[in-house]
Amino acid sequence: MQLNDRFLSHNQLLKSFSCLLPSRGSVRPDSEQIEGIKFLSERYQEDIDCSSDIAAAELELWFRQLSTTSKMPASAVEAFCLCDGDRLPAIKKLLQILSTLLVTTCTSERSFSTLRRLKTYLRNSSGQDRLNGLVLLNVHRNITVEVAEVIDELCTKPCRLPFQL
């Protein structure tokens, strides 16, 4: 029952975000999309700092702008790059929120399990910055770390002993 309630609330939120990515040939938003933008403007009132009517008007301008483009955005990130933040600040902010929403909790769960492996008795006294760096290195193993870049970074920071290269 709790899982059903949890996923139903997220389903409505994600369905509301779908109003920001119209289908090809849509010049004006329909009533369902306007209801979605009004729901989003009420939900993220502090972030977008405008009324639901202004957000609906910006949605119409956003649809007009997209109807003139030759290629419709396929994802929220592409739509975020196409949107002009000066003309459509509420739409830009909502697209930014949509782009950064987590789809799953795998990344956070992975970092907690990594933290459990790294924070052992011997490493319990390490500082927060060092621990964060070790966790990030462990989670993102596909990123290669160049030794020369690390040495250059260490040379730029002041230290007690002078580095001679």
Foldseek 3Di string as FASTA:
>chain_A
DVVVVVVVVVVLLVVLLCLLQDDAPDQAGDPVNLVSQQVVCVVPVVQQVDHSVVSNVLSNVSSNQQNPDPDGDPDLVSSLVVDDCVSRVNSNRSSVVVVPDDPDCVLVVLLVVLLVVPCDPVCVPDDPVVSVVVSVCVSPVVDDDDPVVVVVVVQVDDDDDHDDD
